[in-house]
Amino acid sequence: MIPEAKKTAVKHALQATFGVNEFEDISILTVGLSSALIFRIVVLGKPYLLRIITREDATSDPAHWYDCMKTAAKAGLAPHVWYTSLTDRISITDFIATKAFPISEAMVRVPDLLKRLHSLPLFPYRVNYLDAVDGFIQKFRAAKILPERITGELFNLYARI
């Protein structure tokens, strides 16, 4: 499951973090939009999340992601970060199992979480969102994936915005 090129780095991460050379169990997680390889691993009887960043472009900068993860974890808004490696593009965090709770509980929890989130320092500036969206739109338009009769009006409305 772990790519051959990352096996040594994962072994090092496990040794540095937990003092072991291998995990007891592993399963790949395919929910979400991340391009990273994400695994639920069990080490010393406890589940963790292993993330291996596979992209190497500017938008997959691990330094930015790791800083954001650590800041959110310190504020109690994200799982504890056990290990990060900029070189290997690997992180290990606590694994948080999904758990539904009633809307009445959400109405109590969410305002406090948002207050704590908004009290955090701003994350470093990375990219102008509108420029990025415009780039995606232009690439989509140039690719001509859908006929102009379907997309023409949408692109015209986008241009007005």
N, C-alpha and C. Protein backbone atom coordinates (compact mmCIF):
# COMPACT_ATOMS: atom_id res chain seq x y z
N MET A 1 0.81 -1.20 0.00
CA MET A 1 0.00 0.00 0.00
C MET A 1 0.86 1.27 0.00
N ILE A 2 1.89 1.27 0.82
CA ILE A 2 2.82 2.41 0.85
C ILE A 2 3.67 2.32 -0.41
N PRO A 3 3.81 3.42 -1.17
CA PRO A 3 4.66 3.38 -2.36
C PRO A 3 6.10 2.97 -1.98
N GLU A 4 6.70 2.18 -2.82
CA GLU A 4 8.06 1.68 -2.56
C GLU A 4 9.01 2.82 -2.22
N ALA A 5 8.90 3.93 -2.94
CA ALA A 5 9.80 5.06 -2.74
C ALA A 5 9.63 5.74 -1.37
N LYS A 6 8.53 5.45 -0.68
CA LYS A 6 8.26 6.08 0.61
C LYS A 6 8.40 5.13 1.81
N LYS A 7 8.64 3.86 1.56
CA LYS A 7 8.69 2.88 2.64
C LYS A 7 9.77 3.19 3.67
N THR A 8 10.95 3.57 3.24
CA THR A 8 12.03 3.89 4.17
C THR A 8 11.67 5.13 4.99
N ALA A 9 11.08 6.12 4.35
CA ALA A 9 10.69 7.34 5.05
C ALA A 9 9.61 7.06 6.08
N VAL A 10 8.65 6.20 5.75
CA VAL A 10 7.59 5.85 6.70
C VAL A 10 8.19 5.08 7.87
N LYS A 11 9.10 4.17 7.59
CA LYS A 11 9.77 3.42 8.66
C LYS A 11 10.51 4.37 9.59
N HIS A 12 11.20 5.35 9.02
CA HIS A 12 11.90 6.36 9.83
C HIS A 12 10.91 7.16 10.68
N ALA A 13 9.79 7.55 10.09
CA ALA A 13 8.78 8.31 10.83
C ALA A 13 8.25 7.51 12.02
N LEU A 14 7.98 6.23 11.80
CA LEU A 14 7.48 5.38 12.89
C LEU A 14 8.53 5.22 13.99
N GLN A 15 9.78 5.06 13.59
CA GLN A 15 10.86 4.90 14.57
C GLN A 15 11.05 6.19 15.37
N ALA A 16 11.07 7.32 14.67
CA ALA A 16 11.27 8.61 15.34
C ALA A 16 10.11 8.97 16.26
N THR A 17 8.92 8.59 15.89
CA THR A 17 7.73 8.98 16.64
C THR A 17 7.37 7.99 17.74
N PHE A 18 7.42 6.72 17.42
CA PHE A 18 6.91 5.70 18.35
C PHE A 18 7.95 4.68 18.80
N GLY A 19 9.14 4.72 18.21
CA GLY A 19 10.17 3.76 18.58
C GLY A 19 9.94 2.37 18.00
N VAL A 20 9.13 2.28 16.96
CA VAL A 20 8.88 1.00 16.29
C VAL A 20 9.19 1.14 14.80
N ASN A 21 9.38 0.01 14.13
CA ASN A 21 9.73 0.04 12.71
C ASN A 21 8.56 -0.24 11.77
N GLU A 22 7.43 -0.65 12.35
CA GLU A 22 6.29 -0.95 11.49
C GLU A 22 4.98 -0.73 12.24
N PHE A 23 3.93 -0.62 11.47
CA PHE A 23 2.59 -0.47 12.04
C PHE A 23 1.96 -1.84 12.15
N GLU A 24 0.92 -1.93 12.96
CA GLU A 24 0.22 -3.19 13.18
C GLU A 24 -0.87 -3.43 12.15
N ASP A 25 -1.43 -2.34 11.62
CA ASP A 25 -2.51 -2.44 10.67
C ASP A 25 -2.50 -1.18 9.81
N ILE A 26 -3.01 -1.30 8.60
CA ILE A 26 -3.09 -0.15 7.69
C ILE A 26 -4.30 -0.30 6.79
N SER A 27 -4.97 0.81 6.54
CA SER A 27 -6.05 0.84 5.55
C SER A 27 -6.02 2.21 4.89
N ILE A 28 -6.25 2.21 3.60
CA ILE A 28 -6.24 3.48 2.86
C ILE A 28 -7.58 4.17 3.04
N LEU A 29 -7.55 5.48 3.17
CA LEU A 29 -8.78 6.28 3.28
C LEU A 29 -8.97 7.01 1.95
N THR A 30 -10.13 6.86 1.37
CA THR A 30 -10.38 7.44 0.05
C THR A 30 -11.46 8.51 0.07
N VAL A 31 -11.88 8.93 1.24
CA VAL A 31 -12.89 9.97 1.35
C VAL A 31 -12.18 11.32 1.35
N GLY A 32 -12.76 12.29 0.68
CA GLY A 32 -12.19 13.63 0.68
C GLY A 32 -11.57 13.98 -0.65
N LEU A 33 -11.03 15.18 -0.72
CA LEU A 33 -10.53 15.71 -1.99
C LEU A 33 -9.02 15.79 -2.06
N SER A 34 -8.32 15.32 -1.06
CA SER A 34 -6.87 15.43 -1.04
C SER A 34 -6.23 14.58 -2.12
N SER A 35 -5.17 15.10 -2.73
CA SER A 35 -4.39 14.30 -3.68
C SER A 35 -3.34 13.47 -2.96
N ALA A 36 -3.18 13.69 -1.66
CA ALA A 36 -2.22 12.92 -0.88
C ALA A 36 -2.72 11.50 -0.67
N LEU A 37 -1.79 10.61 -0.37
CA LEU A 37 -2.16 9.26 0.05
C LEU A 37 -2.43 9.33 1.54
N ILE A 38 -3.59 8.88 1.97
CA ILE A 38 -3.98 8.99 3.37
C ILE A 38 -4.35 7.62 3.89
N PHE A 39 -3.73 7.27 5.01
CA PHE A 39 -3.92 5.94 5.58
C PHE A 39 -4.30 6.04 7.05
N ARG A 40 -5.11 5.10 7.49
CA ARG A 40 -5.32 4.89 8.91
C ARG A 40 -4.38 3.76 9.28
N ILE A 41 -3.46 4.07 10.21
CA ILE A 41 -2.53 3.05 10.66
C ILE A 41 -2.75 2.81 12.15
N VAL A 42 -2.40 1.64 12.61
CA VAL A 42 -2.46 1.33 14.04
C VAL A 42 -1.04 1.05 14.49
N VAL A 43 -0.62 1.79 15.51
CA VAL A 43 0.72 1.64 16.08
C VAL A 43 0.56 1.50 17.59
N LEU A 44 1.14 0.47 18.14
CA LEU A 44 1.05 0.20 19.58
C LEU A 44 -0.40 0.22 20.06
N GLY A 45 -1.28 -0.34 19.22
CA GLY A 45 -2.68 -0.48 19.57
C GLY A 45 -3.54 0.76 19.41
N LYS A 46 -2.97 1.86 18.90
CA LYS A 46 -3.73 3.11 18.77
C LYS A 46 -3.76 3.55 17.30
N PRO A 47 -4.92 4.04 16.83
CA PRO A 47 -5.01 4.49 15.44
C PRO A 47 -4.42 5.89 15.24
N TYR A 48 -3.77 6.06 14.09
CA TYR A 48 -3.20 7.35 13.67
C TYR A 48 -3.50 7.55 12.20
N LEU A 49 -3.32 8.78 11.75
CA LEU A 49 -3.50 9.11 10.34
C LEU A 49 -2.13 9.39 9.75
N LEU A 50 -1.78 8.66 8.72
CA LEU A 50 -0.53 8.84 7.99
C LEU A 50 -0.86 9.49 6.66
N ARG A 51 -0.25 10.64 6.40
CA ARG A 51 -0.50 11.37 5.15
C ARG A 51 0.83 11.47 4.40
N ILE A 52 0.80 11.06 3.13
CA ILE A 52 1.97 11.16 2.27
C ILE A 52 1.61 12.08 1.11
N ILE A 53 2.22 13.24 1.07
CA ILE A 53 1.96 14.19 -0.01
C ILE A 53 2.69 13.71 -1.25
N THR A 54 1.96 13.51 -2.33
CA THR A 54 2.55 12.97 -3.55
C THR A 54 2.80 14.04 -4.61
N ARG A 55 2.06 15.13 -4.57
CA ARG A 55 2.26 16.20 -5.55
C ARG A 55 3.48 17.02 -5.15
N GLU A 56 4.13 17.60 -6.12
CA GLU A 56 5.32 18.39 -5.84
C GLU A 56 5.24 19.77 -6.49
N ASP A 57 4.04 20.32 -6.58
CA ASP A 57 3.89 21.66 -7.13
C ASP A 57 3.72 22.67 -6.01
N ALA A 58 3.62 23.93 -6.38
CA ALA A 58 3.56 25.00 -5.37
C ALA A 58 2.35 24.89 -4.46
N THR A 59 1.25 24.34 -4.95
CA THR A 59 0.05 24.27 -4.12
C THR A 59 0.10 23.13 -3.12
N SER A 60 1.13 22.28 -3.21
CA SER A 60 1.22 21.17 -2.26
C SER A 60 2.41 21.36 -1.31
N ASP A 61 2.74 22.61 -1.02
CA ASP A 61 3.86 22.94 -0.15
C ASP A 61 3.63 22.39 1.25
N PRO A 62 4.41 21.38 1.67
CA PRO A 62 4.16 20.80 2.99
C PRO A 62 4.43 21.76 4.13
N ALA A 63 5.35 22.69 3.96
CA ALA A 63 5.64 23.64 5.05
C ALA A 63 4.38 24.41 5.43
N HIS A 64 3.65 24.85 4.44
CA HIS A 64 2.40 25.59 4.70
C HIS A 64 1.38 24.69 5.40
N TRP A 65 1.18 23.47 4.86
CA TRP A 65 0.19 22.57 5.44
C TRP A 65 0.55 22.19 6.87
N TYR A 66 1.82 21.90 7.11
CA TYR A 66 2.24 21.48 8.45
C TYR A 66 2.09 22.63 9.45
N ASP A 67 2.41 23.84 9.03
CA ASP A 67 2.22 25.00 9.92
C ASP A 67 0.75 25.16 10.28
N CYS A 68 -0.12 25.05 9.29
CA CYS A 68 -1.56 25.18 9.54
C CYS A 68 -2.06 24.07 10.45
N MET A 69 -1.61 22.83 10.21
CA MET A 69 -2.02 21.70 11.04
C MET A 69 -1.61 21.91 12.49
N LYS A 70 -0.36 22.32 12.69
CA LYS A 70 0.15 22.49 14.05
C LYS A 70 -0.56 23.63 14.77
N THR A 71 -0.83 24.72 14.07
CA THR A 71 -1.53 25.85 14.68
C THR A 71 -2.93 25.44 15.10
N ALA A 72 -3.64 24.75 14.20
CA ALA A 72 -5.00 24.31 14.52
C ALA A 72 -5.00 23.28 15.65
N ALA A 73 -4.01 22.40 15.67
CA ALA A 73 -3.93 21.39 16.74
C ALA A 73 -3.68 22.06 18.10
N LYS A 74 -2.79 23.03 18.13
CA LYS A 74 -2.49 23.73 19.39
C LYS A 74 -3.73 24.44 19.93
N ALA A 75 -4.61 24.87 19.03
CA ALA A 75 -5.84 25.56 19.44
C ALA A 75 -6.95 24.58 19.77
N GLY A 76 -6.68 23.28 19.66
CA GLY A 76 -7.70 22.27 19.95
C GLY A 76 -8.73 22.13 18.85
N LEU A 77 -8.38 22.54 17.64
CA LEU A 77 -9.32 22.50 16.51
C LEU A 77 -9.00 21.39 15.52
N ALA A 78 -7.91 20.70 15.74
CA ALA A 78 -7.48 19.64 14.81
C ALA A 78 -6.75 18.57 15.61
N PRO A 79 -6.56 17.41 15.00
CA PRO A 79 -5.87 16.33 15.71
C PRO A 79 -4.43 16.70 16.07
N HIS A 80 -3.93 16.09 17.13
CA HIS A 80 -2.55 16.28 17.55
C HIS A 80 -1.60 15.85 16.44
N VAL A 81 -0.57 16.65 16.19
CA VAL A 81 0.42 16.35 15.17
C VAL A 81 1.62 15.67 15.85
N TRP A 82 1.87 14.43 15.47
CA TRP A 82 2.96 13.66 16.07
C TRP A 82 4.26 13.78 15.29
N TYR A 83 4.15 13.91 13.99
CA TYR A 83 5.36 13.88 13.16
C TYR A 83 5.10 14.61 11.85
N THR A 84 6.10 15.36 11.41
CA THR A 84 6.07 15.94 10.07
C THR A 84 7.49 15.91 9.51
N SER A 85 7.59 15.72 8.21
CA SER A 85 8.88 15.78 7.52
C SER A 85 8.69 16.53 6.21
N LEU A 86 9.34 17.69 6.13
CA LEU A 86 9.28 18.46 4.88
C LEU A 86 9.96 17.71 3.75
N THR A 87 11.08 17.08 4.07
CA THR A 87 11.85 16.36 3.05
C THR A 87 11.06 15.19 2.49
N ASP A 88 10.49 14.38 3.38
CA ASP A 88 9.77 13.18 2.95
C ASP A 88 8.31 13.43 2.62
N ARG A 89 7.81 14.61 3.01
CA ARG A 89 6.42 14.99 2.73
C ARG A 89 5.44 14.03 3.41
N ILE A 90 5.75 13.72 4.67
CA ILE A 90 4.96 12.77 5.46
C ILE A 90 4.54 13.42 6.76
N SER A 91 3.32 13.12 7.20
CA SER A 91 2.89 13.55 8.53
C SER A 91 2.12 12.42 9.19
N ILE A 92 2.17 12.42 10.53
CA ILE A 92 1.39 11.49 11.33
C ILE A 92 0.64 12.31 12.37
N THR A 93 -0.67 12.13 12.41
CA THR A 93 -1.50 12.82 13.39
C THR A 93 -2.39 11.80 14.09
N ASP A 94 -3.04 12.25 15.15
CA ASP A 94 -4.06 11.39 15.75
C ASP A 94 -5.12 11.10 14.70
N PHE A 95 -5.72 9.94 14.78
CA PHE A 95 -6.83 9.58 13.90
C PHE A 95 -8.12 9.91 14.63
N ILE A 96 -8.98 10.66 14.00
CA ILE A 96 -10.27 11.02 14.57
C ILE A 96 -11.36 10.31 13.78
N ALA A 97 -12.02 9.38 14.43
CA ALA A 97 -13.11 8.65 13.77
C ALA A 97 -14.31 9.58 13.60
N THR A 98 -14.99 9.44 12.48
CA THR A 98 -16.19 10.25 12.27
C THR A 98 -17.25 9.83 13.28
N LYS A 99 -17.95 10.83 13.76
CA LYS A 99 -18.98 10.57 14.76
C LYS A 99 -20.08 11.63 14.59
N ALA A 100 -21.23 11.18 14.20
CA ALA A 100 -22.35 12.11 14.06
C ALA A 100 -22.87 12.51 15.44
N PHE A 101 -23.32 13.75 15.54
CA PHE A 101 -23.97 14.17 16.77
C PHE A 101 -25.16 15.04 16.40
N PRO A 102 -26.12 15.16 17.31
CA PRO A 102 -27.37 15.86 16.98
C PRO A 102 -27.14 17.35 16.70
N ILE A 103 -28.03 17.92 15.91
CA ILE A 103 -27.97 19.34 15.57
C ILE A 103 -27.98 20.22 16.82
N SER A 104 -28.69 19.78 17.84
CA SER A 104 -28.73 20.57 19.08
C SER A 104 -27.33 20.68 19.70
N GLU A 105 -26.55 19.60 19.59
CA GLU A 105 -25.18 19.65 20.10
C GLU A 105 -24.29 20.51 19.20
N ALA A 106 -24.52 20.43 17.90
CA ALA A 106 -23.76 21.26 16.96
C ALA A 106 -24.00 22.74 17.23
N MET A 107 -25.22 23.09 17.56
CA MET A 107 -25.55 24.49 17.83
C MET A 107 -24.81 25.02 19.05
N VAL A 108 -24.43 24.14 19.95
CA VAL A 108 -23.66 24.54 21.12
C VAL A 108 -22.17 24.55 20.81
N ARG A 109 -21.69 23.54 20.09
CA ARG A 109 -20.25 23.40 19.83
C ARG A 109 -19.71 24.35 18.77
N VAL A 110 -20.43 24.49 17.68
CA VAL A 110 -19.90 25.22 16.53
C VAL A 110 -19.58 26.69 16.83
N PRO A 111 -20.42 27.43 17.53
CA PRO A 111 -20.05 28.82 17.80
C PRO A 111 -18.72 28.95 18.54
N ASP A 112 -18.47 28.10 19.52
CA ASP A 112 -17.20 28.15 20.24
C ASP A 112 -16.04 27.78 19.33
N LEU A 113 -16.22 26.76 18.50
CA LEU A 113 -15.16 26.37 17.58
C LEU A 113 -14.84 27.49 16.60
N LEU A 114 -15.88 28.14 16.08
CA LEU A 114 -15.65 29.26 15.15
C LEU A 114 -14.95 30.42 15.85
N LYS A 115 -15.31 30.69 17.09
CA LYS A 115 -14.66 31.76 17.84
C LYS A 115 -13.17 31.46 18.01
N ARG A 116 -12.86 30.21 18.35
CA ARG A 116 -11.45 29.84 18.50
C ARG A 116 -10.72 29.88 17.17
N LEU A 117 -11.38 29.44 16.11
CA LEU A 117 -10.77 29.47 14.78
C LEU A 117 -10.46 30.91 14.36
N HIS A 118 -11.41 31.79 14.55
CA HIS A 118 -11.23 33.18 14.13
C HIS A 118 -10.26 33.95 15.03
N SER A 119 -9.95 33.40 16.18
CA SER A 119 -8.98 34.07 17.05
C SER A 119 -7.54 33.69 16.72
N LEU A 120 -7.37 32.70 15.84
CA LEU A 120 -6.02 32.29 15.44
C LEU A 120 -5.38 33.37 14.58
N PRO A 121 -4.05 33.41 14.58
CA PRO A 121 -3.38 34.35 13.66
C PRO A 121 -3.68 33.92 12.23
N LEU A 122 -3.63 34.88 11.32
CA LEU A 122 -3.86 34.56 9.92
C LEU A 122 -2.79 33.61 9.42
N PHE A 123 -3.21 32.66 8.61
CA PHE A 123 -2.24 31.77 8.00
C PHE A 123 -1.49 32.56 6.93
N PRO A 124 -0.29 32.14 6.61
CA PRO A 124 0.50 32.88 5.62
C PRO A 124 -0.21 32.97 4.28
N TYR A 125 -0.04 34.11 3.62
CA TYR A 125 -0.62 34.33 2.31
C TYR A 125 0.05 33.39 1.31
N ARG A 126 -0.74 32.72 0.49
CA ARG A 126 -0.18 31.78 -0.48
C ARG A 126 -0.50 32.15 -1.92
N VAL A 127 -1.75 32.41 -2.17
CA VAL A 127 -2.16 32.67 -3.55
C VAL A 127 -3.43 33.52 -3.52
N ASN A 128 -3.56 34.39 -4.51
CA ASN A 128 -4.78 35.17 -4.65
C ASN A 128 -5.87 34.24 -5.13
N TYR A 129 -6.90 34.07 -4.31
CA TYR A 129 -7.97 33.12 -4.60
C TYR A 129 -8.63 33.41 -5.94
N LEU A 130 -8.94 34.68 -6.20
CA LEU A 130 -9.63 35.02 -7.44
C LEU A 130 -8.76 34.74 -8.66
N ASP A 131 -7.46 34.99 -8.55
CA ASP A 131 -6.55 34.66 -9.66
C ASP A 131 -6.51 33.16 -9.89
N ALA A 132 -6.49 32.38 -8.81
CA ALA A 132 -6.46 30.92 -8.94
C ALA A 132 -7.74 30.41 -9.61
N VAL A 133 -8.88 30.91 -9.17
CA VAL A 133 -10.15 30.49 -9.78
C VAL A 133 -10.16 30.87 -11.26
N ASP A 134 -9.71 32.08 -11.57
CA ASP A 134 -9.68 32.51 -12.97
C ASP A 134 -8.80 31.58 -13.80
N GLY A 135 -7.67 31.17 -13.25
CA GLY A 135 -6.80 30.23 -13.96
C GLY A 135 -7.49 28.91 -14.23
N PHE A 136 -8.23 28.40 -13.23
CA PHE A 136 -8.96 27.14 -13.41
C PHE A 136 -10.02 27.28 -14.48
N ILE A 137 -10.74 28.40 -14.44
CA ILE A 137 -11.81 28.64 -15.43
C ILE A 137 -11.21 28.70 -16.83
N GLN A 138 -10.09 29.42 -16.98
CA GLN A 138 -9.48 29.55 -18.31
C GLN A 138 -8.99 28.19 -18.83
N LYS A 139 -8.41 27.37 -17.96
CA LYS A 139 -7.96 26.03 -18.37
C LYS A 139 -9.15 25.16 -18.76
N PHE A 140 -10.21 25.24 -17.99
CA PHE A 140 -11.41 24.45 -18.29
C PHE A 140 -11.98 24.88 -19.64
N ARG A 141 -12.03 26.18 -19.85
CA ARG A 141 -12.58 26.70 -21.10
C ARG A 141 -11.72 26.27 -22.29
N ALA A 142 -10.41 26.38 -22.15
CA ALA A 142 -9.49 26.02 -23.24
C ALA A 142 -9.54 24.53 -23.55
N ALA A 143 -9.82 23.71 -22.54
CA ALA A 143 -9.87 22.26 -22.75
C ALA A 143 -11.08 21.84 -23.57
N LYS A 144 -12.10 22.69 -23.65
CA LYS A 144 -13.33 22.41 -24.42
C LYS A 144 -13.90 21.04 -24.09
N ILE A 145 -14.00 20.76 -22.81
CA ILE A 145 -14.54 19.49 -22.34
C ILE A 145 -16.02 19.40 -22.64
N LEU A 146 -16.70 20.52 -22.49
CA LEU A 146 -18.14 20.59 -22.78
C LEU A 146 -18.36 21.52 -23.97
N PRO A 147 -19.41 21.30 -24.74
CA PRO A 147 -19.67 22.16 -25.89
C PRO A 147 -20.01 23.59 -25.47
N GLU A 148 -19.67 24.53 -26.33
CA GLU A 148 -19.92 25.96 -26.10
C GLU A 148 -21.40 26.23 -25.83
N ARG A 149 -22.29 25.48 -26.45
CA ARG A 149 -23.73 25.71 -26.23
C ARG A 149 -24.12 25.46 -24.77
N ILE A 150 -23.34 24.64 -24.07
CA ILE A 150 -23.62 24.36 -22.66
C ILE A 150 -22.90 25.35 -21.74
N THR A 151 -21.66 25.69 -22.11
CA THR A 151 -20.84 26.52 -21.21
C THR A 151 -20.85 28.01 -21.54
N GLY A 152 -21.25 28.35 -22.73
CA GLY A 152 -21.17 29.76 -23.17
C GLY A 152 -21.78 30.74 -22.20
N GLU A 153 -23.02 30.50 -21.81
CA GLU A 153 -23.70 31.42 -20.90
C GLU A 153 -23.00 31.48 -19.54
N LEU A 154 -22.54 30.33 -19.05
CA LEU A 154 -21.84 30.32 -17.77
C LEU A 154 -20.56 31.14 -17.82
N PHE A 155 -19.78 30.99 -18.90
CA PHE A 155 -18.55 31.75 -19.03
C PHE A 155 -18.84 33.25 -19.18
N ASN A 156 -19.92 33.59 -19.86
CA ASN A 156 -20.31 35.00 -19.98
C ASN A 156 -20.69 35.58 -18.63
N LEU A 157 -21.43 34.82 -17.84
CA LEU A 157 -21.80 35.29 -16.50
C LEU A 157 -20.56 35.40 -15.62
N TYR A 158 -19.64 34.45 -15.73
CA TYR A 158 -18.39 34.52 -14.97
C TYR A 158 -17.61 35.79 -15.33
N ALA A 159 -17.55 36.10 -16.62
CA ALA A 159 -16.83 37.29 -17.09
C ALA A 159 -17.44 38.55 -16.49
N ARG A 160 -18.77 38.59 -16.37
CA ARG A 160 -19.45 39.75 -15.76
C ARG A 160 -19.06 39.90 -14.30
N ILE A 161 -18.93 38.79 -13.60
CA ILE A 161 -18.57 38.83 -12.18
C ILE A 161 -17.16 39.35 -12.03
